[in-house]
Amino acid sequence: MHIYEVLRRPIVTEKTMVTVDTANQYAFEVDTRANKFQVKDAVETAFDVTVERVNIMVMPAKTTRRGSRIRIRKPKWKKAVVTLAPGNSIQFFEGV
């Protein structure tokens, strides 16, 4: 997998903005095939920062019911929370 295929989009919510200020952690939606090492390399290359930790979680699919049938509204996806070294920041998130 190419390094620029790993990161899909940044996750910008109120909760992630609080973690940016308090713990220097940034959240990204990543490819479902990506692992921690690929996410670390992608963030370090794309934003020129030093990554200390990467936590990855698989977010479950959103489902709905119509009678006895269960339908998937949104598929499952993978989220990565990246902790940067002290003094580093990603300018993309600043001022949002």
N, C-alpha and C. Protein backbone atom coordinates (compact mmCIF):
# COMPACT_ATOMS: atom_id res chain seq x y z
N MET A 1 0.85 -1.17 0.00
CA MET A 1 0.00 0.00 0.00
C MET A 1 0.91 1.24 0.00
N HIS A 2 0.59 2.17 -0.89
CA HIS A 2 1.36 3.41 -0.99
C HIS A 2 1.10 4.28 0.24
N ILE A 3 2.10 5.06 0.62
CA ILE A 3 2.01 5.83 1.87
C ILE A 3 0.90 6.87 1.83
N TYR A 4 0.57 7.39 0.64
CA TYR A 4 -0.47 8.41 0.54
C TYR A 4 -1.88 7.82 0.42
N GLU A 5 -2.00 6.51 0.36
CA GLU A 5 -3.30 5.84 0.36
C GLU A 5 -3.76 5.51 1.78
N VAL A 6 -2.90 5.64 2.75
CA VAL A 6 -3.21 5.24 4.13
C VAL A 6 -4.19 6.21 4.77
N LEU A 7 -3.89 7.51 4.74
CA LEU A 7 -4.75 8.51 5.37
C LEU A 7 -5.90 8.87 4.44
N ARG A 8 -7.13 8.76 4.93
CA ARG A 8 -8.29 9.13 4.11
C ARG A 8 -8.73 10.56 4.37
N ARG A 9 -8.97 10.90 5.65
CA ARG A 9 -9.42 12.25 5.99
C ARG A 9 -9.18 12.48 7.48
N PRO A 10 -9.02 13.74 7.87
CA PRO A 10 -8.94 14.03 9.31
C PRO A 10 -10.34 14.04 9.91
N ILE A 11 -10.44 13.68 11.16
CA ILE A 11 -11.72 13.70 11.87
C ILE A 11 -11.72 14.95 12.75
N VAL A 12 -12.58 15.90 12.39
CA VAL A 12 -12.64 17.17 13.09
C VAL A 12 -13.99 17.26 13.80
N THR A 13 -13.98 16.99 15.09
CA THR A 13 -15.17 17.10 15.92
C THR A 13 -14.80 17.88 17.18
N GLU A 14 -15.79 18.17 18.00
CA GLU A 14 -15.51 18.87 19.25
C GLU A 14 -14.60 18.05 20.16
N LYS A 15 -14.84 16.76 20.21
CA LYS A 15 -14.03 15.90 21.07
C LYS A 15 -12.58 15.82 20.59
N THR A 16 -12.37 15.71 19.29
CA THR A 16 -11.00 15.65 18.79
C THR A 16 -10.28 16.98 18.96
N MET A 17 -11.00 18.08 18.89
CA MET A 17 -10.36 19.39 19.11
C MET A 17 -9.91 19.56 20.57
N VAL A 18 -10.66 18.96 21.51
CA VAL A 18 -10.25 18.99 22.91
C VAL A 18 -8.99 18.16 23.11
N THR A 19 -8.90 16.99 22.46
CA THR A 19 -7.70 16.15 22.60
C THR A 19 -6.49 16.78 21.93
N VAL A 20 -6.71 17.59 20.89
CA VAL A 20 -5.60 18.31 20.27
C VAL A 20 -5.01 19.29 21.27
N ASP A 21 -5.86 20.00 21.99
CA ASP A 21 -5.38 21.00 22.95
C ASP A 21 -4.77 20.38 24.21
N THR A 22 -5.38 19.32 24.72
CA THR A 22 -4.95 18.77 26.00
C THR A 22 -3.85 17.72 25.87
N ALA A 23 -3.98 16.79 24.93
CA ALA A 23 -3.06 15.65 24.87
C ALA A 23 -2.21 15.60 23.60
N ASN A 24 -2.35 16.58 22.71
CA ASN A 24 -1.60 16.62 21.44
C ASN A 24 -1.88 15.37 20.61
N GLN A 25 -3.17 14.97 20.55
CA GLN A 25 -3.59 13.80 19.79
C GLN A 25 -4.48 14.24 18.63
N TYR A 26 -4.26 13.62 17.47
CA TYR A 26 -5.00 13.93 16.26
C TYR A 26 -5.66 12.66 15.75
N ALA A 27 -6.88 12.78 15.20
CA ALA A 27 -7.64 11.62 14.75
C ALA A 27 -7.79 11.66 13.23
N PHE A 28 -7.64 10.49 12.60
CA PHE A 28 -7.76 10.35 11.16
C PHE A 28 -8.57 9.11 10.83
N GLU A 29 -9.30 9.19 9.72
CA GLU A 29 -9.88 7.98 9.14
C GLU A 29 -8.81 7.40 8.23
N VAL A 30 -8.53 6.10 8.39
CA VAL A 30 -7.47 5.46 7.62
C VAL A 30 -8.04 4.30 6.83
N ASP A 31 -7.26 3.80 5.91
CA ASP A 31 -7.66 2.65 5.11
C ASP A 31 -7.82 1.43 6.01
N THR A 32 -8.78 0.57 5.68
CA THR A 32 -9.06 -0.59 6.54
C THR A 32 -7.92 -1.60 6.55
N ARG A 33 -7.04 -1.55 5.55
CA ARG A 33 -5.92 -2.49 5.48
C ARG A 33 -4.67 -1.96 6.18
N ALA A 34 -4.69 -0.71 6.64
CA ALA A 34 -3.50 -0.08 7.22
C ALA A 34 -3.25 -0.57 8.64
N ASN A 35 -1.96 -0.63 9.00
CA ASN A 35 -1.59 -0.99 10.37
C ASN A 35 -0.90 0.21 11.03
N LYS A 36 -0.48 0.05 12.28
CA LYS A 36 0.09 1.16 13.05
C LYS A 36 1.36 1.72 12.41
N PHE A 37 2.20 0.85 11.90
CA PHE A 37 3.46 1.30 11.32
C PHE A 37 3.23 2.12 10.06
N GLN A 38 2.27 1.70 9.24
CA GLN A 38 1.97 2.46 8.02
C GLN A 38 1.35 3.82 8.35
N VAL A 39 0.49 3.87 9.37
CA VAL A 39 -0.12 5.14 9.78
C VAL A 39 0.95 6.08 10.31
N LYS A 40 1.88 5.57 11.10
CA LYS A 40 2.96 6.40 11.65
C LYS A 40 3.81 6.98 10.52
N ASP A 41 4.20 6.15 9.56
CA ASP A 41 5.00 6.63 8.45
C ASP A 41 4.25 7.66 7.61
N ALA A 42 2.95 7.45 7.40
CA ALA A 42 2.16 8.36 6.58
C ALA A 42 2.03 9.73 7.23
N VAL A 43 1.77 9.76 8.54
CA VAL A 43 1.62 11.04 9.25
C VAL A 43 2.96 11.77 9.30
N GLU A 44 4.04 11.05 9.58
CA GLU A 44 5.35 11.69 9.65
C GLU A 44 5.77 12.25 8.29
N THR A 45 5.45 11.54 7.22
CA THR A 45 5.82 12.00 5.88
C THR A 45 4.95 13.17 5.43
N ALA A 46 3.65 13.06 5.65
CA ALA A 46 2.72 14.07 5.13
C ALA A 46 2.83 15.40 5.88
N PHE A 47 3.03 15.35 7.20
CA PHE A 47 2.98 16.57 8.00
C PHE A 47 4.32 16.97 8.61
N ASP A 48 5.38 16.19 8.39
CA ASP A 48 6.72 16.49 8.88
C ASP A 48 6.73 16.70 10.40
N VAL A 49 6.23 15.70 11.14
CA VAL A 49 6.18 15.73 12.59
C VAL A 49 6.76 14.42 13.12
N THR A 50 6.94 14.34 14.44
CA THR A 50 7.40 13.12 15.09
C THR A 50 6.24 12.48 15.84
N VAL A 51 5.94 11.23 15.53
CA VAL A 51 4.82 10.51 16.13
C VAL A 51 5.34 9.65 17.28
N GLU A 52 4.70 9.78 18.45
CA GLU A 52 5.07 8.96 19.60
C GLU A 52 4.25 7.67 19.67
N ARG A 53 2.93 7.79 19.47
CA ARG A 53 2.04 6.64 19.63
C ARG A 53 0.95 6.66 18.58
N VAL A 54 0.48 5.47 18.21
CA VAL A 54 -0.66 5.33 17.30
C VAL A 54 -1.62 4.31 17.90
N ASN A 55 -2.86 4.71 18.08
CA ASN A 55 -3.91 3.79 18.51
C ASN A 55 -4.90 3.65 17.36
N ILE A 56 -5.25 2.41 17.04
CA ILE A 56 -6.16 2.15 15.93
C ILE A 56 -7.38 1.41 16.47
N MET A 57 -8.55 1.82 15.98
CA MET A 57 -9.79 1.13 16.34
C MET A 57 -10.68 1.00 15.12
N VAL A 58 -11.45 -0.07 15.08
CA VAL A 58 -12.40 -0.30 14.00
C VAL A 58 -13.77 0.14 14.49
N MET A 59 -14.34 1.11 13.80
CA MET A 59 -15.65 1.63 14.15
C MET A 59 -16.71 0.73 13.52
N PRO A 60 -17.73 0.32 14.27
CA PRO A 60 -18.70 -0.64 13.73
C PRO A 60 -19.61 -0.02 12.67
N ALA A 61 -20.23 -0.90 11.89
CA ALA A 61 -21.16 -0.46 10.85
C ALA A 61 -22.44 0.07 11.49
N LYS A 62 -23.07 1.03 10.84
CA LYS A 62 -24.36 1.56 11.30
C LYS A 62 -25.45 0.78 10.58
N THR A 63 -26.37 0.21 11.35
CA THR A 63 -27.43 -0.60 10.76
C THR A 63 -28.80 -0.01 11.04
N THR A 64 -29.76 -0.44 10.27
CA THR A 64 -31.15 -0.06 10.47
C THR A 64 -32.02 -1.29 10.23
N ARG A 65 -33.24 -1.27 10.77
CA ARG A 65 -34.13 -2.42 10.61
C ARG A 65 -35.41 -2.00 9.91
N ARG A 66 -35.88 -2.85 9.05
CA ARG A 66 -37.18 -2.73 8.41
C ARG A 66 -37.87 -4.07 8.59
N GLY A 67 -38.68 -4.19 9.62
CA GLY A 67 -39.32 -5.47 9.92
C GLY A 67 -38.28 -6.45 10.42
N SER A 68 -38.16 -7.58 9.74
CA SER A 68 -37.18 -8.59 10.17
C SER A 68 -35.86 -8.44 9.42
N ARG A 69 -35.78 -7.54 8.47
CA ARG A 69 -34.56 -7.36 7.70
C ARG A 69 -33.64 -6.31 8.35
N ILE A 70 -32.36 -6.59 8.32
CA ILE A 70 -31.37 -5.66 8.84
C ILE A 70 -30.56 -5.15 7.65
N ARG A 71 -30.47 -3.84 7.52
CA ARG A 71 -29.76 -3.22 6.41
C ARG A 71 -28.61 -2.38 6.96
N ILE A 72 -27.49 -2.36 6.26
CA ILE A 72 -26.34 -1.57 6.67
C ILE A 72 -26.41 -0.21 5.99
N ARG A 73 -26.48 0.86 6.82
CA ARG A 73 -26.50 2.22 6.29
C ARG A 73 -25.11 2.70 5.94
N LYS A 74 -24.15 2.49 6.86
CA LYS A 74 -22.77 2.90 6.65
C LYS A 74 -21.86 1.72 6.97
N PRO A 75 -20.87 1.44 6.14
CA PRO A 75 -19.98 0.32 6.43
C PRO A 75 -19.04 0.63 7.58
N LYS A 76 -18.38 -0.41 8.08
CA LYS A 76 -17.40 -0.19 9.15
C LYS A 76 -16.18 0.52 8.57
N TRP A 77 -15.46 1.24 9.44
CA TRP A 77 -14.29 1.98 9.01
C TRP A 77 -13.27 1.99 10.13
N LYS A 78 -12.06 2.38 9.80
CA LYS A 78 -10.97 2.33 10.77
C LYS A 78 -10.54 3.75 11.13
N LYS A 79 -10.36 3.98 12.44
CA LYS A 79 -9.95 5.28 12.97
C LYS A 79 -8.61 5.14 13.66
N ALA A 80 -7.73 6.11 13.44
CA ALA A 80 -6.42 6.13 14.09
C ALA A 80 -6.29 7.41 14.89
N VAL A 81 -5.86 7.26 16.15
CA VAL A 81 -5.57 8.41 17.01
C VAL A 81 -4.06 8.47 17.17
N VAL A 82 -3.47 9.56 16.70
CA VAL A 82 -2.02 9.71 16.64
C VAL A 82 -1.59 10.71 17.71
N THR A 83 -0.64 10.30 18.57
CA THR A 83 -0.08 11.18 19.59
C THR A 83 1.26 11.68 19.09
N LEU A 84 1.40 13.00 19.05
CA LEU A 84 2.64 13.61 18.58
C LEU A 84 3.58 13.92 19.74
N ALA A 85 4.84 14.06 19.42
CA ALA A 85 5.85 14.41 20.42
C ALA A 85 5.60 15.84 20.89
N PRO A 86 6.01 16.17 22.13
CA PRO A 86 5.82 17.54 22.62
C PRO A 86 6.52 18.55 21.71
N GLY A 87 5.82 19.65 21.45
CA GLY A 87 6.36 20.69 20.59
C GLY A 87 5.95 20.57 19.13
N ASN A 88 5.42 19.42 18.73
CA ASN A 88 4.96 19.23 17.36
C ASN A 88 3.47 19.50 17.26
N SER A 89 3.03 19.99 16.12
CA SER A 89 1.61 20.19 15.87
C SER A 89 1.37 20.11 14.37
N ILE A 90 0.12 19.86 14.00
CA ILE A 90 -0.28 19.81 12.60
C ILE A 90 -1.05 21.09 12.32
N GLN A 91 -0.56 21.88 11.39
CA GLN A 91 -1.15 23.19 11.12
C GLN A 91 -2.54 23.08 10.50
N PHE A 92 -2.85 21.94 9.90
CA PHE A 92 -4.17 21.74 9.29
C PHE A 92 -5.28 21.86 10.32
N PHE A 93 -5.01 21.45 11.56
CA PHE A 93 -6.02 21.45 12.60
C PHE A 93 -6.10 22.79 13.35
N GLU A 94 -5.12 23.63 13.20
CA GLU A 94 -5.07 24.87 13.96
C GLU A 94 -6.12 25.85 13.44
N GLY A 95 -6.84 26.49 14.33
CA GLY A 95 -7.81 27.51 13.95
C GLY A 95 -9.13 26.99 13.45
N VAL A 96 -9.42 25.72 13.70
CA VAL A 96 -10.70 25.15 13.25
C VAL A 96 -11.74 25.34 14.32
